[in-house]
Amino acid sequence: MTQALRVSEESETDVSTILSARVLIPISCDRCNKETDISIQTLKEGGTIMCEHCYDVRPFTAIEQQTLRAVLAQIGFHFAG
């Protein structure tokens, strides 16, 4: 099946979307408060993230990863791994 299914608002079926590792998530910089788009793959790997505006570098912590997963799950998005 290659066609998306429509879900009515009355439906009690939970629908979720699995995000590609290539999807970019905006991460706000702690230093300059501007957003930089980082791929889910980079965030999953727990690597460092660098602000494209002020070049501040910091790690993406496990707690941040858990929070991101929880927030995305609440709105129906999941990523594998």
C-alpha atoms as a PDB file:
ATOM      1  CA  MET A   1       0.000   0.000   0.000  1.00  0.00           C
ATOM      2  CA  THR A   2       1.515   3.279  -1.059  1.00  0.00           C
ATOM      3  CA  GLN A   3      -1.346   5.628  -0.372  1.00  0.00           C
ATOM      4  CA  ALA A   4      -1.821   7.477   2.916  1.00  0.00           C
ATOM      5  CA  LEU A   5      -4.951   6.729   4.906  1.00  0.00           C
ATOM      6  CA  ARG A   6      -7.227   9.507   6.076  1.00  0.00           C
ATOM      7  CA  VAL A   7      -8.014   9.577   9.781  1.00  0.00           C
ATOM      8  CA  SER A   8     -11.090  11.379  11.008  1.00  0.00           C
ATOM      9  CA  GLU A   9     -11.029  13.404  14.212  1.00  0.00           C
ATOM     10  CA  GLU A  10     -13.500  10.969  15.792  1.00  0.00           C
ATOM     11  CA  SER A  11     -11.171   8.047  15.252  1.00  0.00           C
ATOM     12  CA  GLU A  12      -9.694   6.521  18.384  1.00  0.00           C
ATOM     13  CA  THR A  13      -6.900   4.869  16.455  1.00  0.00           C
ATOM     14  CA  ASP A  14      -3.450   6.138  17.383  1.00  0.00           C
ATOM     15  CA  VAL A  15      -1.513   7.110  14.295  1.00  0.00           C
ATOM     16  CA  SER A  16       2.190   7.688  14.364  1.00  0.00           C
ATOM     17  CA  THR A  17       4.804   8.564  11.802  1.00  0.00           C
ATOM     18  CA  ILE A  18       8.329   7.191  11.822  1.00  0.00           C
ATOM     19  CA  LEU A  19      10.775   9.975  11.052  1.00  0.00           C
ATOM     20  CA  SER A  20      13.756   9.499   8.791  1.00  0.00           C
ATOM     21  CA  ALA A  21      17.177   9.971  10.349  1.00  0.00           C
ATOM     22  CA  ARG A  22      17.680  12.745   7.799  1.00  0.00           C
ATOM     23  CA  VAL A  23      14.923  14.942   9.239  1.00  0.00           C
ATOM     24  CA  LEU A  24      16.292  18.193  10.649  1.00  0.00           C
ATOM     25  CA  ILE A  25      15.216  19.348  14.113  1.00  0.00           C
ATOM     26  CA  PRO A  26      15.756  22.990  15.159  1.00  0.00           C
ATOM     27  CA  ILE A  27      17.904  23.179  18.307  1.00  0.00           C
ATOM     28  CA  SER A  28      18.135  26.495  20.130  1.00  0.00           C
ATOM     29  CA  CYS A  29      21.614  27.628  21.148  1.00  0.00           C
ATOM     30  CA  ASP A  30      22.139  28.224  24.881  1.00  0.00           C
ATOM     31  CA  ARG A  31      24.588  31.010  24.118  1.00  0.00           C
ATOM     32  CA  CYS A  32      22.935  33.133  21.384  1.00  0.00           C
ATOM     33  CA  ASN A  33      19.359  31.733  21.481  1.00  0.00           C
ATOM     34  CA  LYS A  34      19.256  31.251  17.692  1.00  0.00           C
ATOM     35  CA  GLU A  35      18.192  27.957  16.137  1.00  0.00           C
ATOM     36  CA  THR A  36      20.353  25.551  14.181  1.00  0.00           C
ATOM     37  CA  ASP A  37      18.885  22.591  12.289  1.00  0.00           C
ATOM     38  CA  ILE A  38      20.474  19.291  13.334  1.00  0.00           C
ATOM     39  CA  SER A  39      19.631  15.898  11.818  1.00  0.00           C
ATOM     40  CA  ILE A  40      17.981  13.253  13.962  1.00  0.00           C
ATOM     41  CA  GLN A  41      20.891  10.935  13.132  1.00  0.00           C
ATOM     42  CA  THR A  42      23.367  13.358  14.742  1.00  0.00           C
ATOM     43  CA  LEU A  43      21.124  13.709  17.788  1.00  0.00           C
ATOM     44  CA  LYS A  44      20.661   9.923  18.080  1.00  0.00           C
ATOM     45  CA  GLU A  45      24.406   9.401  18.044  1.00  0.00           C
ATOM     46  CA  GLY A  46      24.705  11.662  21.073  1.00  0.00           C
ATOM     47  CA  GLY A  47      27.386  13.689  19.386  1.00  0.00           C
ATOM     48  CA  THR A  48      28.177  17.317  19.832  1.00  0.00           C
ATOM     49  CA  ILE A  49      26.122  20.020  18.218  1.00  0.00           C
ATOM     50  CA  MET A  50      27.496  23.286  16.926  1.00  0.00           C
ATOM     51  CA  CYS A  51      25.568  26.528  16.538  1.00  0.00           C
ATOM     52  CA  GLU A  52      25.835  27.807  12.977  1.00  0.00           C
ATOM     53  CA  HIS A  53      25.538  31.397  14.235  1.00  0.00           C
ATOM     54  CA  CYS A  54      28.027  31.753  17.114  1.00  0.00           C
ATOM     55  CA  TYR A  55      29.883  28.414  16.665  1.00  0.00           C
ATOM     56  CA  ASP A  56      29.273  27.370  20.273  1.00  0.00           C
ATOM     57  CA  VAL A  57      29.805  23.609  20.633  1.00  0.00           C
ATOM     58  CA  ARG A  58      28.138  21.422  23.243  1.00  0.00           C
ATOM     59  CA  PRO A  59      27.067  17.804  23.689  1.00  0.00           C
ATOM     60  CA  PHE A  60      23.487  16.675  23.104  1.00  0.00           C
ATOM     61  CA  THR A  61      22.786  14.896  26.381  1.00  0.00           C
ATOM     62  CA  ALA A  62      20.868  11.684  27.015  1.00  0.00           C
ATOM     63  CA  ILE A  63      18.226  13.652  28.944  1.00  0.00           C
ATOM     64  CA  GLU A  64      17.720  15.950  25.958  1.00  0.00           C
ATOM     65  CA  GLN A  65      17.383  12.905  23.699  1.00  0.00           C
ATOM     66  CA  GLN A  66      14.778  11.351  26.015  1.00  0.00           C
ATOM     67  CA  THR A  67      12.872  14.648  26.154  1.00  0.00           C
ATOM     68  CA  LEU A  68      12.947  14.979  22.360  1.00  0.00           C
ATOM     69  CA  ARG A  69      11.621  11.437  21.960  1.00  0.00           C
ATOM     70  CA  ALA A  70       8.838  12.093  24.489  1.00  0.00           C
ATOM     71  CA  VAL A  71       7.758  15.367  22.867  1.00  0.00           C
ATOM     72  CA  LEU A  72       7.762  13.859  19.380  1.00  0.00           C
ATOM     73  CA  ALA A  73       5.815  10.816  20.633  1.00  0.00           C
ATOM     74  CA  GLN A  74       3.143  13.074  22.138  1.00  0.00           C
ATOM     75  CA  ILE A  75       2.473  14.598  18.732  1.00  0.00           C
ATOM     76  CA  GLY A  76       2.602  11.262  16.890  1.00  0.00           C
ATOM     77  CA  PHE A  77       6.183  11.073  15.625  1.00  0.00           C
ATOM     78  CA  HIS A  78       8.743   8.393  16.435  1.00  0.00           C
ATOM     79  CA  PHE A  79      12.221   7.591  15.270  1.00  0.00           C
ATOM     80  CA  ALA A  80      13.743   4.149  15.346  1.00  0.00           C
ATOM     81  CA  GLY A  81      16.769   3.146  17.358  1.00  0.00           C
END
